C-alpha atoms as a PDB file:
ATOM      1  CA  MET A   1      -7.965  10.689  -5.422  1.00  0.00           C
ATOM      2  CA  ARG A   2      -9.017   8.895  -2.265  1.00  0.00           C
ATOM      3  CA  ASP A   3     -11.580  11.493  -1.080  1.00  0.00           C
ATOM      4  CA  GLY A   4     -13.117  11.648  -4.551  1.00  0.00           C
ATOM      5  CA  TRP A   5     -13.387   7.859  -4.771  1.00  0.00           C
ATOM      6  CA  ASP A   6     -14.906   7.653  -1.281  1.00  0.00           C
ATOM      7  CA  ASP A   7     -17.648  10.064  -2.370  1.00  0.00           C
ATOM      8  CA  MET A   8     -18.254   7.946  -5.479  1.00  0.00           C
ATOM      9  CA  ARG A   9     -18.508   4.855  -3.279  1.00  0.00           C
ATOM     10  CA  VAL A  10     -21.148   6.582  -1.154  1.00  0.00           C
ATOM     11  CA  PHE A  11     -22.952   7.728  -4.315  1.00  0.00           C
ATOM     12  CA  LEU A  12     -23.157   4.144  -5.592  1.00  0.00           C
ATOM     13  CA  ALA A  13     -24.440   2.875  -2.252  1.00  0.00           C
ATOM     14  CA  VAL A  14     -27.259   5.452  -2.227  1.00  0.00           C
ATOM     15  CA  ALA A  15     -28.074   4.790  -5.888  1.00  0.00           C
ATOM     16  CA  ARG A  16     -28.317   1.043  -5.217  1.00  0.00           C
ATOM     17  CA  SER A  17     -30.187   1.359  -1.912  1.00  0.00           C
ATOM     18  CA  GLU A  18     -32.401   4.329  -2.904  1.00  0.00           C
ATOM     19  CA  GLY A  19     -32.079   5.800   0.569  1.00  0.00           C
ATOM     20  CA  LEU A  20     -29.661   7.090   3.190  1.00  0.00           C
ATOM     21  CA  SER A  21     -30.466   4.588   5.930  1.00  0.00           C
ATOM     22  CA  ALA A  22     -30.008   1.504   3.751  1.00  0.00           C
ATOM     23  CA  ALA A  23     -26.854   2.980   2.227  1.00  0.00           C
ATOM     24  CA  GLY A  24     -25.550   3.763   5.709  1.00  0.00           C
ATOM     25  CA  ARG A  25     -26.039   0.135   6.773  1.00  0.00           C
ATOM     26  CA  ARG A  26     -24.229  -1.035   3.650  1.00  0.00           C
ATOM     27  CA  LEU A  27     -21.358   1.377   4.315  1.00  0.00           C
ATOM     28  CA  ARG A  28     -21.430   1.058   8.139  1.00  0.00           C
ATOM     29  CA  MET A  29     -21.887   4.807   8.243  1.00  0.00           C
ATOM     30  CA  ASP A  30     -24.360   7.127   9.961  1.00  0.00           C
ATOM     31  CA  PRO A  31     -27.190   8.179   7.546  1.00  0.00           C
ATOM     32  CA  ALA A  32     -26.569  11.850   8.307  1.00  0.00           C
ATOM     33  CA  THR A  33     -22.934  11.408   7.260  1.00  0.00           C
ATOM     34  CA  VAL A  34     -24.072   9.708   4.063  1.00  0.00           C
ATOM     35  CA  GLY A  35     -26.327  12.681   3.343  1.00  0.00           C
ATOM     36  CA  ARG A  36     -23.467  15.145   3.890  1.00  0.00           C
ATOM     37  CA  ARG A  37     -21.224  13.165   1.555  1.00  0.00           C
ATOM     38  CA  ILE A  38     -23.860  13.193  -1.171  1.00  0.00           C
ATOM     39  CA  ALA A  39     -24.302  16.939  -0.719  1.00  0.00           C
ATOM     40  CA  ARG A  40     -20.533  17.403  -0.983  1.00  0.00           C
ATOM     41  CA  LEU A  41     -20.403  15.366  -4.181  1.00  0.00           C
ATOM     42  CA  GLU A  42     -23.268  17.350  -5.712  1.00  0.00           C
ATOM     43  CA  ARG A  43     -21.476  20.592  -4.852  1.00  0.00           C
ATOM     44  CA  GLY A  44     -18.304  19.246  -6.405  1.00  0.00           C
ATOM     45  CA  VAL A  45     -19.945  18.308  -9.717  1.00  0.00           C
ATOM     46  CA  GLU A  46     -22.272  21.329  -9.578  1.00  0.00           C
ATOM     47  CA  THR A  47     -25.426  19.378 -10.380  1.00  0.00           C
ATOM     48  CA  THR A  48     -28.207  17.485  -8.612  1.00  0.00           C
ATOM     49  CA  LEU A  49     -27.743  13.719  -8.660  1.00  0.00           C
ATOM     50  CA  PHE A  50     -30.801  12.641  -6.652  1.00  0.00           C
ATOM     51  CA  VAL A  51     -34.419  13.716  -6.253  1.00  0.00           C
ATOM     52  CA  LYS A  52     -35.142  13.502  -2.530  1.00  0.00           C
ATOM     53  CA  SER A  53     -38.612  12.522  -1.317  1.00  0.00           C
ATOM     54  CA  PRO A  54     -40.210  10.775   1.696  1.00  0.00           C
ATOM     55  CA  GLN A  55     -40.054   7.583  -0.376  1.00  0.00           C
ATOM     56  CA  GLY A  56     -36.275   7.789  -0.783  1.00  0.00           C
ATOM     57  CA  TYR A  57     -33.580   8.972  -3.179  1.00  0.00           C
ATOM     58  CA  THR A  58     -34.226   8.673  -6.943  1.00  0.00           C
ATOM     59  CA  LEU A  59     -31.490   9.297  -9.498  1.00  0.00           C
ATOM     60  CA  THR A  60     -31.786  12.328 -11.769  1.00  0.00           C
ATOM     61  CA  GLU A  61     -30.738  12.065 -15.427  1.00  0.00           C
ATOM     62  CA  ALA A  62     -27.286  13.338 -14.451  1.00  0.00           C
ATOM     63  CA  GLY A  63     -27.140  10.738 -11.684  1.00  0.00           C
ATOM     64  CA  VAL A  64     -28.038   7.932 -14.076  1.00  0.00           C
ATOM     65  CA  ARG A  65     -25.203   8.999 -16.373  1.00  0.00           C
ATOM     66  CA  LEU A  66     -22.786   9.136 -13.469  1.00  0.00           C
ATOM     67  CA  VAL A  67     -23.625   5.594 -12.277  1.00  0.00           C
ATOM     68  CA  LYS A  68     -21.970   3.992 -15.323  1.00  0.00           C
ATOM     69  CA  HIS A  69     -18.743   5.930 -14.774  1.00  0.00           C
ATOM     70  CA  ALA A  70     -18.785   5.289 -11.038  1.00  0.00           C
ATOM     71  CA  GLU A  71     -19.200   1.535 -11.579  1.00  0.00           C
ATOM     72  CA  THR A  72     -16.255   1.540 -13.988  1.00  0.00           C
ATOM     73  CA  ALA A  73     -14.182   3.342 -11.359  1.00  0.00           C
ATOM     74  CA  GLU A  74     -15.337   0.836  -8.731  1.00  0.00           C
ATOM     75  CA  GLU A  75     -14.180  -2.092 -10.855  1.00  0.00           C
ATOM     76  CA  ALA A  76     -10.820  -0.460 -11.542  1.00  0.00           C
ATOM     77  CA  MET A  77     -10.282   0.211  -7.833  1.00  0.00           C
ATOM     78  CA  ASN A  78     -11.106  -3.409  -7.046  1.00  0.00           C
ATOM     79  CA  GLN A  79      -8.620  -4.600  -9.653  1.00  0.00           C
ATOM     80  CA  ALA A  80      -5.938  -2.284  -8.234  1.00  0.00           C
ATOM     81  CA  ALA A  81      -6.483  -3.700  -4.762  1.00  0.00           C
ATOM     82  CA  LEU A  82      -6.287  -7.236  -6.113  1.00  0.00           C
ATOM     83  CA  ALA A  83      -3.064  -6.464  -7.946  1.00  0.00           C
ATOM     84  CA  LEU A  84      -1.447  -5.267  -4.744  1.00  0.00           C
ATOM     85  CA  ARG A  85      -2.844  -8.019  -2.528  1.00  0.00           C
ATOM     86  CA  SER A  86      -1.702 -10.706  -4.980  1.00  0.00           C
ATOM     87  CA  ALA A  87       1.852  -9.515  -4.555  1.00  0.00           C
ATOM     88  CA  GLY A  88       1.745 -10.652  -0.922  1.00  0.00           C
ATOM     89  CA  GLU A  89       3.377  -7.488   0.431  1.00  0.00           C
ATOM     90  CA  GLY A  90       3.437  -3.751   0.013  1.00  0.00           C
ATOM     91  CA  LEU A  91       5.680  -2.021  -2.482  1.00  0.00           C
ATOM     92  CA  SER A  92       8.772  -0.088  -1.481  1.00  0.00           C
ATOM     93  CA  GLY A  93      11.770   1.693  -2.929  1.00  0.00           C
ATOM     94  CA  GLN A  94      12.152   4.373  -5.572  1.00  0.00           C
ATOM     95  CA  ILE A  95      10.141   4.224  -8.817  1.00  0.00           C
ATOM     96  CA  ARG A  96      10.384   6.880 -11.516  1.00  0.00           C
ATOM     97  CA  ILE A  97       7.554   7.424 -14.020  1.00  0.00           C
ATOM     98  CA  GLY A  98       8.006   9.403 -17.224  1.00  0.00           C
ATOM     99  CA  ALA A  99       4.975  10.976 -18.877  1.00  0.00           C
ATOM    100  CA  PRO A 100       3.827  13.748 -21.236  1.00  0.00           C
ATOM    101  CA  ASP A 101       3.377  16.908 -19.221  1.00  0.00           C
ATOM    102  CA  GLY A 102      -0.426  16.995 -19.505  1.00  0.00           C
ATOM    103  CA  CYS A 103      -0.681  13.575 -17.898  1.00  0.00           C
ATOM    104  CA  ALA A 104       2.152  14.373 -15.479  1.00  0.00           C
ATOM    105  CA  ASN A 105       0.476  17.571 -14.242  1.00  0.00           C
ATOM    106  CA  PHE A 106      -3.218  16.758 -14.188  1.00  0.00           C
ATOM    107  CA  LEU A 107      -3.502  12.979 -13.709  1.00  0.00           C
ATOM    108  CA  LEU A 108      -0.443  11.262 -12.245  1.00  0.00           C
ATOM    109  CA  PRO A 109      -0.032  13.313  -9.029  1.00  0.00           C
ATOM    110  CA  GLN A 110      -3.328  12.203  -7.479  1.00  0.00           C
ATOM    111  CA  VAL A 111      -2.903   8.646  -8.810  1.00  0.00           C
ATOM    112  CA  CYS A 112       0.571   8.355  -7.300  1.00  0.00           C
ATOM    113  CA  ALA A 113      -0.598   9.907  -4.035  1.00  0.00           C
ATOM    114  CA  ALA A 114      -3.277   7.209  -3.738  1.00  0.00           C
ATOM    115  CA  LEU A 115      -0.769   4.429  -4.442  1.00  0.00           C
ATOM    116  CA  SER A 116       1.630   5.919  -1.920  1.00  0.00           C
ATOM    117  CA  ARG A 117      -1.004   5.929   0.811  1.00  0.00           C
ATOM    118  CA  ASP A 118      -1.423   2.194   0.280  1.00  0.00           C
ATOM    119  CA  ASN A 119       2.362   1.680   0.068  1.00  0.00           C
ATOM    120  CA  PRO A 120       4.023   4.212   2.411  1.00  0.00           C
ATOM    121  CA  ASP A 121       7.538   2.894   1.753  1.00  0.00           C
ATOM    122  CA  LEU A 122       7.408   3.897  -1.909  1.00  0.00           C
ATOM    123  CA  GLU A 123       9.487   6.830  -3.190  1.00  0.00           C
ATOM    124  CA  LEU A 124       7.721   8.048  -6.343  1.00  0.00           C
ATOM    125  CA  GLN A 125       9.142  10.430  -8.937  1.00  0.00           C
ATOM    126  CA  ILE A 126       7.331  11.903 -11.959  1.00  0.00           C
ATOM    127  CA  VAL A 127       9.404  13.087 -14.915  1.00  0.00           C
ATOM    128  CA  ALA A 128       7.313  15.465 -17.064  1.00  0.00           C
ATOM    129  CA  LEU A 129       8.715  15.787 -20.575  1.00  0.00           C
ATOM    130  CA  PRO A 130       7.315  17.203 -23.838  1.00  0.00           C
ATOM    131  CA  ARG A 131       8.678  14.169 -25.673  1.00  0.00           C
ATOM    132  CA  VAL A 132       8.774  10.372 -25.467  1.00  0.00           C
ATOM    133  CA  VAL A 133      10.640   9.123 -22.391  1.00  0.00           C
ATOM    134  CA  ASN A 134      13.559   6.821 -23.239  1.00  0.00           C
ATOM    135  CA  LEU A 135      13.465   3.749 -20.996  1.00  0.00           C
ATOM    136  CA  SER A 136      16.546   2.170 -22.544  1.00  0.00           C
ATOM    137  CA  ARG A 137      18.588   5.150 -21.318  1.00  0.00           C
ATOM    138  CA  ARG A 138      17.147   4.692 -17.824  1.00  0.00           C
ATOM    139  CA  GLU A 139      15.337   8.036 -17.887  1.00  0.00           C
ATOM    140  CA  ALA A 140      12.528   6.284 -15.986  1.00  0.00           C
ATOM    141  CA  ASP A 141      11.430   2.862 -14.798  1.00  0.00           C
ATOM    142  CA  LEU A 142       8.044   3.155 -16.489  1.00  0.00           C
ATOM    143  CA  ALA A 143       6.679   5.527 -19.099  1.00  0.00           C
ATOM    144  CA  VAL A 144       3.234   6.730 -20.103  1.00  0.00           C
ATOM    145  CA  ALA A 145       2.900   7.412 -23.839  1.00  0.00           C
ATOM    146  CA  VAL A 146       0.152   8.624 -26.166  1.00  0.00           C
ATOM    147  CA  SER A 147       0.929   6.024 -28.822  1.00  0.00           C
ATOM    148  CA  PRO A 148       2.548   2.580 -28.696  1.00  0.00           C
ATOM    149  CA  PRO A 149       6.116   2.281 -30.034  1.00  0.00           C
ATOM    150  CA  ALA A 150       6.373   0.949 -33.572  1.00  0.00           C
ATOM    151  CA  SER A 151       9.213  -1.391 -32.655  1.00  0.00           C
ATOM    152  CA  GLY A 152      11.465  -2.443 -29.802  1.00  0.00           C
ATOM    153  CA  GLN A 153      11.460  -4.801 -26.859  1.00  0.00           C
ATOM    154  CA  LEU A 154       9.133  -2.836 -24.621  1.00  0.00           C
ATOM    155  CA  GLU A 155       6.086  -4.346 -22.975  1.00  0.00           C
ATOM    156  CA  VAL A 156       3.067  -2.189 -23.883  1.00  0.00           C
ATOM    157  CA  THR A 157      -0.216  -2.047 -21.951  1.00  0.00           C
ATOM    158  CA  GLU A 158      -3.103   0.122 -23.127  1.00  0.00           C
ATOM    159  CA  ILE A 159      -4.209   2.031 -20.040  1.00  0.00           C
ATOM    160  CA  ALA A 160      -7.402   3.728 -21.175  1.00  0.00           C
ATOM    161  CA  GLU A 161      -8.972   5.971 -23.749  1.00  0.00           C
ATOM    162  CA  TYR A 162      -9.381   9.617 -22.797  1.00  0.00           C
ATOM    163  CA  ARG A 163     -11.316  12.510 -24.297  1.00  0.00           C
ATOM    164  CA  LEU A 164     -10.399  16.016 -25.370  1.00  0.00           C
ATOM    165  CA  HIS A 165     -12.602  18.961 -26.304  1.00  0.00           C
ATOM    166  CA  LEU A 166     -12.245  22.552 -27.358  1.00  0.00           C
ATOM    167  CA  ALA A 167     -12.392  24.859 -24.350  1.00  0.00           C
ATOM    168  CA  ALA A 168     -12.122  28.514 -23.484  1.00  0.00           C
ATOM    169  CA  ALA A 169     -12.554  30.795 -20.499  1.00  0.00           C
ATOM    170  CA  ARG A 170     -16.173  31.718 -19.792  1.00  0.00           C
ATOM    171  CA  ASP A 171     -15.183  35.400 -19.788  1.00  0.00           C
ATOM    172  CA  TYR A 172     -13.605  35.019 -23.220  1.00  0.00           C
ATOM    173  CA  LEU A 173     -16.718  33.351 -24.649  1.00  0.00           C
ATOM    174  CA  ALA A 174     -18.959  36.060 -23.208  1.00  0.00           C
ATOM    175  CA  ALA A 175     -16.857  38.827 -24.776  1.00  0.00           C
ATOM    176  CA  HIS A 176     -16.374  37.378 -28.277  1.00  0.00           C
ATOM    177  CA  ALA A 177     -18.425  36.272 -31.246  1.00  0.00           C
ATOM    178  CA  PRO A 178     -20.620  33.229 -30.565  1.00  0.00           C
ATOM    179  CA  ILE A 179     -19.394  29.826 -31.707  1.00  0.00           C
ATOM    180  CA  ARG A 180     -22.105  27.702 -33.288  1.00  0.00           C
ATOM    181  CA  SER A 181     -20.084  25.759 -35.877  1.00  0.00           C
ATOM    182  CA  LEU A 182     -16.529  24.825 -36.826  1.00  0.00           C
ATOM    183  CA  GLU A 183     -16.505  27.672 -39.348  1.00  0.00           C
ATOM    184  CA  ASP A 184     -16.953  30.157 -36.487  1.00  0.00           C
ATOM    185  CA  LEU A 185     -13.614  29.027 -35.004  1.00  0.00           C
ATOM    186  CA  ARG A 186     -11.772  30.906 -37.740  1.00  0.00           C
ATOM    187  CA  LYS A 187     -12.887  34.171 -36.123  1.00  0.00           C
ATOM    188  CA  HIS A 188     -11.085  33.324 -32.891  1.00  0.00           C
ATOM    189  CA  ARG A 189      -7.543  33.124 -31.593  1.00  0.00           C
ATOM    190  CA  ILE A 190      -6.195  29.617 -31.126  1.00  0.00           C
ATOM    191  CA  VAL A 191      -4.029  28.239 -28.311  1.00  0.00           C
ATOM    192  CA  GLY A 192      -2.079  25.041 -28.967  1.00  0.00           C
ATOM    193  CA  TYR A 193       1.214  23.264 -29.456  1.00  0.00           C
ATOM    194  CA  ILE A 194       4.063  24.902 -31.377  1.00  0.00           C
ATOM    195  CA  PRO A 195       3.580  23.035 -34.684  1.00  0.00           C
ATOM    196  CA  ASP A 196       7.213  22.055 -35.271  1.00  0.00           C
ATOM    197  CA  MET A 197       7.610  20.837 -31.674  1.00  0.00           C
ATOM    198  CA  ILE A 198       4.783  18.284 -31.711  1.00  0.00           C
ATOM    199  CA  PHE A 199       6.581  15.053 -30.825  1.00  0.00           C
ATOM    200  CA  ASP A 200       3.741  12.623 -31.551  1.00  0.00           C
ATOM    201  CA  ARG A 201       1.170  12.686 -34.358  1.00  0.00           C
ATOM    202  CA  GLU A 202      -1.540  11.930 -31.792  1.00  0.00           C
ATOM    203  CA  LEU A 203      -0.994  15.424 -30.338  1.00  0.00           C
ATOM    204  CA  ASP A 204      -1.670  17.226 -33.617  1.00  0.00           C
ATOM    205  CA  TYR A 205      -5.239  18.067 -32.674  1.00  0.00           C
ATOM    206  CA  LEU A 206      -5.650  21.306 -34.601  1.00  0.00           C
ATOM    207  CA  THR A 207      -4.777  19.891 -38.013  1.00  0.00           C
ATOM    208  CA  ASP A 208      -7.653  17.434 -37.581  1.00  0.00           C
ATOM    209  CA  LEU A 209      -9.940  20.455 -37.097  1.00  0.00           C
ATOM    210  CA  GLY A 210      -8.584  22.336 -40.116  1.00  0.00           C
ATOM    211  CA  LEU A 211      -6.993  25.024 -37.933  1.00  0.00           C
ATOM    212  CA  ASN A 212      -3.548  25.831 -39.268  1.00  0.00           C
ATOM    213  CA  THR A 213      -2.657  28.985 -37.312  1.00  0.00           C
ATOM    214  CA  VAL A 214      -1.658  28.884 -33.649  1.00  0.00           C
ATOM    215  CA  HIS A 215      -1.795  32.386 -32.190  1.00  0.00           C
ATOM    216  CA  PHE A 216      -0.477  31.314 -28.784  1.00  0.00           C
ATOM    217  CA  GLY A 217       1.795  28.282 -28.917  1.00  0.00           C
ATOM    218  CA  SER A 218       3.744  26.283 -26.347  1.00  0.00           C
ATOM    219  CA  ASN A 219       5.198  22.798 -26.061  1.00  0.00           C
ATOM    220  CA  SER A 220       3.839  22.765 -22.479  1.00  0.00           C
ATOM    221  CA  VAL A 221       0.238  21.807 -21.671  1.00  0.00           C
ATOM    222  CA  PRO A 222       0.197  23.792 -18.380  1.00  0.00           C
ATOM    223  CA  VAL A 223       1.308  26.919 -20.275  1.00  0.00           C
ATOM    224  CA  GLN A 224      -1.511  26.392 -22.770  1.00  0.00           C
ATOM    225  CA  MET A 225      -3.959  25.984 -19.899  1.00  0.00           C
ATOM    226  CA  GLN A 226      -2.778  29.239 -18.327  1.00  0.00           C
ATOM    227  CA  TRP A 227      -3.272  31.064 -21.627  1.00  0.00           C
ATOM    228  CA  LEU A 228      -6.819  29.716 -21.845  1.00  0.00           C
ATOM    229  CA  ARG A 229      -7.518  30.769 -18.256  1.00  0.00           C
ATOM    230  CA  GLN A 230      -6.280  34.277 -19.102  1.00  0.00           C
ATOM    231  CA  GLY A 231      -8.750  34.500 -21.992  1.00  0.00           C
ATOM    232  CA  ALA A 232      -6.184  34.320 -24.789  1.00  0.00           C
ATOM    233  CA  GLY A 233      -8.441  32.189 -27.022  1.00  0.00           C
ATOM    234  CA  LEU A 234      -9.628  28.632 -27.583  1.00  0.00           C
ATOM    235  CA  GLY A 235      -7.676  25.390 -27.405  1.00  0.00           C
ATOM    236  CA  VAL A 236      -8.021  21.626 -27.232  1.00  0.00           C
ATOM    237  CA  VAL A 237      -7.975  20.417 -23.622  1.00  0.00           C
ATOM    238  CA  HIS A 238      -8.010  17.034 -21.893  1.00  0.00           C
ATOM    239  CA  ASP A 239     -11.317  16.505 -20.098  1.00  0.00           C
ATOM    240  CA  PHE A 240      -9.412  15.127 -17.108  1.00  0.00           C
ATOM    241  CA  ALA A 241      -7.561  18.449 -16.844  1.00  0.00           C
ATOM    242  CA  LEU A 242     -10.750  20.501 -17.135  1.00  0.00           C
ATOM    243  CA  ALA A 243     -12.038  18.879 -13.961  1.00  0.00           C
ATOM    244  CA  SER A 244      -9.399  20.658 -11.873  1.00  0.00           C
ATOM    245  CA  VAL A 245      -9.250  24.041 -13.653  1.00  0.00           C
ATOM    246  CA  ASP A 246     -11.821  26.675 -12.752  1.00  0.00           C
ATOM    247  CA  GLY A 247     -13.304  29.073 -15.262  1.00  0.00           C
ATOM    248  CA  LEU A 248     -12.961  26.989 -18.429  1.00  0.00           C
ATOM    249  CA  GLN A 249     -15.883  25.666 -20.451  1.00  0.00           C
ATOM    250  CA  ARG A 250     -16.094  23.119 -23.260  1.00  0.00           C
ATOM    251  CA  VAL A 251     -16.990  24.517 -26.685  1.00  0.00           C
ATOM    252  CA  LEU A 252     -18.999  22.610 -29.341  1.00  0.00           C
ATOM    253  CA  PRO A 253     -18.712  19.398 -27.257  1.00  0.00           C
ATOM    254  CA  GLU A 254     -21.114  17.503 -29.527  1.00  0.00           C
ATOM    255  CA  THR A 255     -19.250  18.533 -32.692  1.00  0.00           C
ATOM    256  CA  VAL A 256     -15.625  18.407 -31.563  1.00  0.00           C
ATOM    257  CA  SER A 257     -14.863  15.360 -29.423  1.00  0.00           C
ATOM    258  CA  LEU A 258     -11.403  13.844 -29.810  1.00  0.00           C
ATOM    259  CA  ARG A 259     -10.344  10.494 -28.397  1.00  0.00           C
ATOM    260  CA  ARG A 260      -6.835   9.351 -27.648  1.00  0.00           C
ATOM    261  CA  SER A 261      -5.304   6.593 -25.498  1.00  0.00           C
ATOM    262  CA  PHE A 262      -2.587   6.330 -22.885  1.00  0.00           C
ATOM    263  CA  TYR A 263      -0.165   3.387 -22.948  1.00  0.00           C
ATOM    264  CA  LEU A 264       2.142   2.128 -20.217  1.00  0.00           C
ATOM    265  CA  LEU A 265       5.613   1.177 -21.430  1.00  0.00           C
ATOM    266  CA  ARG A 266       7.920  -1.149 -19.480  1.00  0.00           C
ATOM    267  CA  GLN A 267      11.197  -2.836 -20.189  1.00  0.00           C
ATOM    268  CA  GLY A 268      10.648  -6.362 -21.497  1.00  0.00           C
ATOM    269  CA  ALA A 269      12.468  -7.811 -18.483  1.00  0.00           C
ATOM    270  CA  SER A 270       9.725  -6.488 -16.200  1.00  0.00           C
ATOM    271  CA  ARG A 271       7.328  -9.159 -17.474  1.00  0.00           C
ATOM    272  CA  ARG A 272       8.443 -11.175 -14.453  1.00  0.00           C
ATOM    273  CA  ARG A 273       6.464 -10.295 -11.352  1.00  0.00           C
ATOM    274  CA  ASP A 274       9.008  -7.924  -9.841  1.00  0.00           C
ATOM    275  CA  ARG A 275       8.073  -4.753  -7.957  1.00  0.00           C
ATOM    276  CA  ILE A 276       8.194  -2.557 -11.093  1.00  0.00           C
ATOM    277  CA  SER A 277       5.738  -4.828 -12.868  1.00  0.00           C
ATOM    278  CA  ARG A 278       3.498  -5.020  -9.808  1.00  0.00           C
ATOM    279  CA  PHE A 279       3.524  -1.258  -9.450  1.00  0.00           C
ATOM    280  CA  GLY A 280       2.760  -0.907 -13.168  1.00  0.00           C
ATOM    281  CA  ASP A 281      -0.318  -3.114 -12.811  1.00  0.00           C
ATOM    282  CA  ALA A 282      -1.572  -1.024  -9.888  1.00  0.00           C
ATOM    283  CA  LEU A 283      -0.785   2.214 -11.756  1.00  0.00           C
ATOM    284  CA  VAL A 284      -2.858   1.121 -14.749  1.00  0.00           C
ATOM    285  CA  SER A 285      -5.867   0.326 -12.559  1.00  0.00           C
ATOM    286  CA  GLU A 286      -5.626   3.590 -10.617  1.00  0.00           C
ATOM    287  CA  MET A 287      -5.263   5.659 -13.811  1.00  0.00           C
ATOM    288  CA  ARG A 288      -8.331   4.026 -15.316  1.00  0.00           C
ATOM    289  CA  ALA A 289     -10.343   4.783 -12.200  1.00  0.00           C
ATOM    290  CA  GLU A 290      -9.166   8.388 -11.973  1.00  0.00           C
ATOM    291  CA  LEU A 291      -9.814   9.069 -15.679  1.00  0.00           C
ATOM    292  CA  THR A 292     -13.336   7.724 -15.287  1.00  0.00           C
ATOM    293  CA  ARG A 293     -13.960   9.846 -12.189  1.00  0.00           C
ATOM    294  CA  LEU A 294     -12.625  13.093 -13.654  1.00  0.00           C
ATOM    295  CA  GLU A 295     -14.364  12.759 -17.018  1.00  0.00           C
ATOM    296  CA  ALA A 296     -17.651  11.920 -15.305  1.00  0.00           C
ATOM    297  CA  GLN A 297     -17.218  14.998 -13.122  1.00  0.00           C
ATOM    298  CA  VAL A 298     -16.910  17.241 -16.194  1.00  0.00           C
ATOM    299  CA  VAL A 299     -20.007  15.726 -17.820  1.00  0.00           C
ATOM    300  CA  ALA A 300     -22.053  16.025 -14.627  1.00  0.00           C
ATOM    301  CA  ARG A 301     -20.932  19.626 -14.098  1.00  0.00           C
ATOM    302  CA  GLU A 302     -22.247  20.637 -17.516  1.00  0.00           C
ATOM    303  CA  ALA A 303     -25.503  18.651 -17.284  1.00  0.00           C
END
C-alpha cells in the first residue's frame, strides 16, 4: 500500500499547487521526480489526470473525481498515524485476523504489510475462511465481517462501505452477445457462490439481481475470480479486487452497483486500550484508506 499512497500524496500536492515546482517544494522533492511520480500514477490508473501547459498542471475530469477519494485516503492515513502515535510506542507480538476470503486475499495483505512496516516487531496472521470467524473460540484476535452480529458481547466497529459490480473478462465480452440491460444477463453463464454454502445474507448478490442459476459456483472468491479471468462467464466482483486483477471489466456499472460494509469485531474486553485494541484502530484506518485508493483506481481506469 505504501507506494500507492505515496503516489496519491504526490498527486494531491500537484493538484493543490497546480505545478511541479510548487508541489516539489511542498514535498521537499525534486520537480523532475514529482513529474515521474505523476506519470507513474497515470500509467497505473490508465488515464490522464492532468492537462500540462506552460501555465501549470490543470486537473482533468478524471483527476477531479480522484481528488475526493485521495483526500479521504489522506484523512484515513492521518488518523492511522495518530492512533499509533497516541499509543506511545510501536506494536509488537502476534496478532491473528480472521476475514472472509475476498477481503483476506485482495485487501488485508497490503494493509497488514503497511502496518508491519510501521511496527516491525508485529507478527501478523490472516485466517481466510468462507464463514464467520468465531472469536470466542480463539480462532482469531480480531475478525472482519460483512454484517454485524445480531447478539453477543463483541465490540463492533463499522470499517467502511465497499462496492461490487458485475464483471467479466474482456475476451469473454468480445466473443458473446452484447449486454445492454439486466434482461440480457439471462443469455450468459453466471459465476458465483454455491447457493447452499452462502454463510451470510449479504453475500447473496445474485438473488438481488433475479439470477437463480449459477453455472460455475464456488465458496471461494479467488476461485470465482479465476473462472472470470478464464472467460467462464459473468459474476459479481468487489471493486477493490478488480484493481489488482488484469483483464476484467465492469459490466452495466450504472445499472448494477451493489454496496456492502465491512465490520471489525473484537472481544468486549479489548475496549481497554491494550495492543489488540490499538492495532484494531490502526487496521480500521488503513482499510478505509486502501478501499478508497483501490476503488478510485478502478473508476479512473475506466474514465
